[in-house]
Protein backbone atom coordinates (compact mmCIF):
# COMPACT_ATOMS: atom_id res chain seq x y z
CA MET A 1 -51.18 182.92 123.15
CA THR A 2 -51.52 179.21 123.87
CA ASN A 3 -54.85 177.52 123.23
CA ILE A 4 -55.95 173.98 123.94
CA VAL A 5 -57.98 172.14 121.35
CA TYR A 6 -58.80 168.45 121.13
CA GLN A 7 -58.21 165.77 118.57
CA ILE A 8 -61.14 163.36 118.85
CA THR A 9 -60.45 159.75 117.86
CA MET A 10 -62.31 156.46 117.93
CA GLY A 11 -60.88 153.05 118.83
CA THR A 12 -59.09 152.62 115.52
CA GLY A 13 -57.08 155.78 116.14
CA LEU A 14 -58.82 157.50 113.23
CA ALA A 15 -59.81 161.08 113.92
CA LEU A 16 -63.05 163.01 113.63
CA ALA A 17 -62.37 165.35 110.71
CA ILE A 18 -63.87 167.85 108.32
CA ASP A 19 -63.94 166.37 104.83
CA GLY A 20 -60.91 167.94 103.14
CA ASN A 21 -62.90 168.45 99.94
CA SER A 22 -65.22 171.02 101.50
CA HIS A 23 -64.74 173.45 104.36
CA GLN A 24 -68.15 175.07 104.41
CA ALA A 25 -71.50 174.80 106.16
CA GLY A 26 -73.34 171.65 105.09
CA SER A 27 -70.17 169.57 104.72
CA GLN A 28 -70.19 166.20 106.45
CA LEU A 29 -67.70 164.99 109.04
CA ILE A 30 -65.65 161.88 108.29
CA LEU A 31 -62.92 159.73 109.81
CA ASN A 32 -59.36 160.46 108.72
CA THR A 33 -55.83 159.36 109.62
CA ALA A 34 -55.01 161.13 112.88
CA SER A 35 -52.71 164.13 112.47
CA PRO A 36 -52.55 166.57 115.40
CA SER A 37 -51.27 169.29 113.06
CA ASP A 38 -54.30 169.08 110.74
CA PRO A 39 -56.67 171.98 111.57
CA ASP A 40 -59.59 169.97 110.13
CA GLN A 41 -59.17 167.53 113.04
CA LEU A 42 -58.92 169.99 115.92
CA TRP A 43 -61.96 170.88 117.99
CA SER A 44 -62.78 173.27 120.81
CA LEU A 45 -65.29 171.98 123.34
CA VAL A 46 -67.25 175.11 124.19
CA SER A 47 -69.47 174.87 127.25
CA TYR A 48 -73.02 176.02 126.60
CA PRO A 49 -74.83 176.31 129.98
CA ALA A 50 -78.29 176.99 128.47
CA THR A 51 -78.51 173.34 127.34
CA ARG A 52 -75.94 171.93 129.81
CA GLY A 53 -74.01 170.74 126.80
CA ILE A 54 -71.04 171.60 124.65
CA ILE A 55 -70.63 173.00 121.18
CA LEU A 56 -68.19 171.08 119.01
CA LEU A 57 -66.41 173.99 117.33
CA ASN A 58 -63.64 173.91 114.75
CA PRO A 59 -61.88 177.19 115.59
CA TYR A 60 -59.87 177.19 112.35
CA ARG A 61 -62.93 177.10 110.12
CA GLY A 62 -65.30 179.03 112.42
CA LEU A 63 -67.90 176.27 112.03
CA TYR A 64 -69.50 173.90 114.49
CA ALA A 65 -70.55 170.25 114.11
CA ALA A 66 -74.06 169.00 114.82
CA PRO A 67 -76.49 166.47 113.38
CA ALA A 68 -78.57 167.48 110.37
CA SER A 69 -81.58 166.14 112.31
CA GLY A 70 -82.33 164.01 115.37
CA ASP A 71 -83.15 161.00 113.20
CA ASN A 72 -81.25 157.73 113.37
CA GLY A 73 -78.57 157.85 110.68
CA ALA A 74 -78.60 161.64 110.27
CA ALA A 75 -75.32 163.11 109.01
CA VAL A 76 -73.14 165.09 111.39
CA GLN A 77 -72.30 168.19 109.43
CA LEU A 78 -70.88 171.68 109.72
CA PHE A 79 -73.00 174.73 110.52
CA ASP A 80 -72.24 178.44 110.49
CA LEU A 81 -72.17 179.99 113.93
CA PRO A 82 -75.50 181.73 114.55
CA GLU A 83 -75.18 185.50 114.66
CA ASN A 84 -76.68 185.65 118.16
CA LEU A 85 -74.61 182.63 119.32
CA THR A 86 -77.73 180.86 120.53
CA PHE A 87 -77.83 177.08 120.20
CA ASP A 88 -80.62 174.61 120.89
CA ALA A 89 -80.39 171.17 122.48
CA ALA A 90 -80.44 169.52 119.03
CA HIS A 91 -77.10 171.18 118.22
CA THR A 92 -75.25 170.62 121.48
CA TRP A 93 -73.52 167.50 122.76
CA GLU A 94 -73.03 165.70 126.04
CA ILE A 95 -69.93 163.64 126.82
CA VAL A 96 -71.03 160.64 128.86
CA SER A 97 -69.34 158.19 131.21
CA ASP A 98 -65.65 157.26 131.39
CA ALA A 99 -63.01 157.17 128.64
CA PRO A 100 -63.44 156.23 125.90
CA TYR A 101 -66.55 158.37 125.87
CA PRO A 102 -69.96 158.07 124.25
CA VAL A 103 -71.00 161.48 122.91
CA ARG A 104 -74.72 162.10 122.55
CA ILE A 105 -77.09 164.88 121.51
CA VAL A 106 -78.42 166.82 124.49
CA GLY A 107 -81.85 167.14 122.86
CA ASN A 108 -82.11 163.44 121.98
CA THR A 109 -80.04 161.28 124.31
CA ASP A 110 -80.90 158.18 122.25
CA GLN A 111 -78.68 159.50 119.43
CA ASN A 112 -74.89 159.18 119.70
CA LEU A 113 -71.91 160.31 117.63
CA ASN A 114 -71.16 157.30 115.44
CA ALA A 115 -68.88 156.24 112.60
CA ALA A 116 -71.36 154.68 110.14
CA GLY A 117 -71.12 150.89 110.01
CA ASN A 118 -69.90 148.44 112.61
CA ASP A 119 -66.94 148.81 114.94
CA TRP A 120 -63.62 149.33 113.07
CA GLN A 121 -64.10 151.74 110.21
CA PRO A 122 -61.89 152.85 107.31
CA ILE A 123 -60.73 156.35 106.40
CA SER A 124 -63.50 158.55 104.91
CA THR A 125 -66.28 156.79 106.82
CA ARG A 126 -69.17 159.22 107.30
CA ILE A 127 -69.99 160.42 110.82
CA ILE A 128 -73.65 160.12 111.78
CA VAL A 129 -75.84 159.92 114.88
CA TRP A 130 -77.20 156.51 115.80
CA GLY A 131 -78.95 154.76 118.66
CA TRP A 132 -76.55 153.43 121.31
CA ASP A 133 -75.25 149.97 120.43
CA SER A 134 -72.08 149.84 122.61
CA GLY A 135 -69.95 149.47 119.50
CA LEU A 136 -66.35 150.55 119.12
CA ASN A 137 -67.56 152.99 116.46
CA GLU A 138 -69.53 154.87 119.14
CA VAL A 139 -66.87 155.68 121.73
CA TRP A 140 -64.38 158.51 121.42
CA SER A 141 -61.14 159.68 123.05
CA PHE A 142 -60.21 163.33 123.50
CA LYS A 143 -56.51 164.18 123.22
CA PRO A 144 -55.56 167.74 124.19
CA VAL A 145 -53.36 169.51 121.63
CA ARG A 146 -51.56 172.77 122.40
CA THR A 147 -51.64 175.43 119.70
CA GLY A 148 -50.34 178.95 119.38
C-alpha cells in the first residue's frame, strides 16, 4: 500500500524532526538535516473537522506534535494519541496563506510554529510556538514523500 507523508522544512532546508535521542511522549521537536528516508522527519497531516484544523502525526512513532502550552516560547513536543482520538484546538494546527506556509495553533492564532531564534537556524534548534514576526524561521514548506 502506498501512503503519502510530508517532510516539513523551513527556508534553510532543515527539516522538522523528532529528536533522535528520544522517541516518546514529552520529547521536543528540533530541526535536522533533511532526509526523506528518516521516519523521524515524516508527518501525516490528518484533518480534524471538529476544530477545522489538522493533527501533525508521525505515523512511524504513533505520536503527534503540539505545543506544551499556548504561551509564547512553549516547546512543540510529542504527545500520545488520546484513546478516544479527541483533540482540542490547542493541539491542532492551521496551515495559512501561500507557500512557504505559516503554521499556527487553531486555538491561539497568535502562536505559530517557529524555530527558536532568528531566521536561519542550525541543526538541533528547538521548535517552539511564537507570535508572528514574518521571519524565515516561521514559514514552512511541505514536500510529499511516497512510502510503502
